[in-house]
């Protein structure tokens, strides 16, 4: 998957300015795909050169603001990408390598980082649950688009709960090891 496919998807949902896209990206797609605003604007420029997107003309707007929309070649690209098979993402977490190093080096110097991660996952869970309550608690179960968005958010909630559970199982025994360390 590339940033272009993420942006095409977002623009299919709603034509947007680069600024609006970047803000929406930070609030939704950014939960599972990282990109800087500069990368977004650079990608939009490349997609426009390929003819995947164009800008809507607004005669009342005299500024540099451009509203992007998906064109037929962009729809074709997104459709072709959707039909391809992809592999599930491999877990690639730095904290796992740090834990392996901790197992070899000892000293429990990783505990503050584990506590920090636990706080981050708890904070993320709060945000996801707030979004769920606001956007999906009373959503129409017959609306396919809302159902898909709801299920994506549910996976995020479940993943955060899984991280929290795992960290809560990991941290207390590591703290006991630290207390029993004869150093």
Foldseek 3Di string as FASTA:
>chain_A
DDVLLVQQVVQVVPFAWLVVSQVVCVVAVCVPDDDDSVRSVVSVVVCVVVVQKDWDDDPVDPDPTTTIHGDPVVVVVNVVVVPDDDDPDDDDDPVVVVVVVCVVPPPPPCLVVLVVVLVVLVVQLVSLVVCCVVQPPPDDPVDPVSVVSNVVSVVSNVVSVVSNVVSVVPNPVSVVCNVPDPD
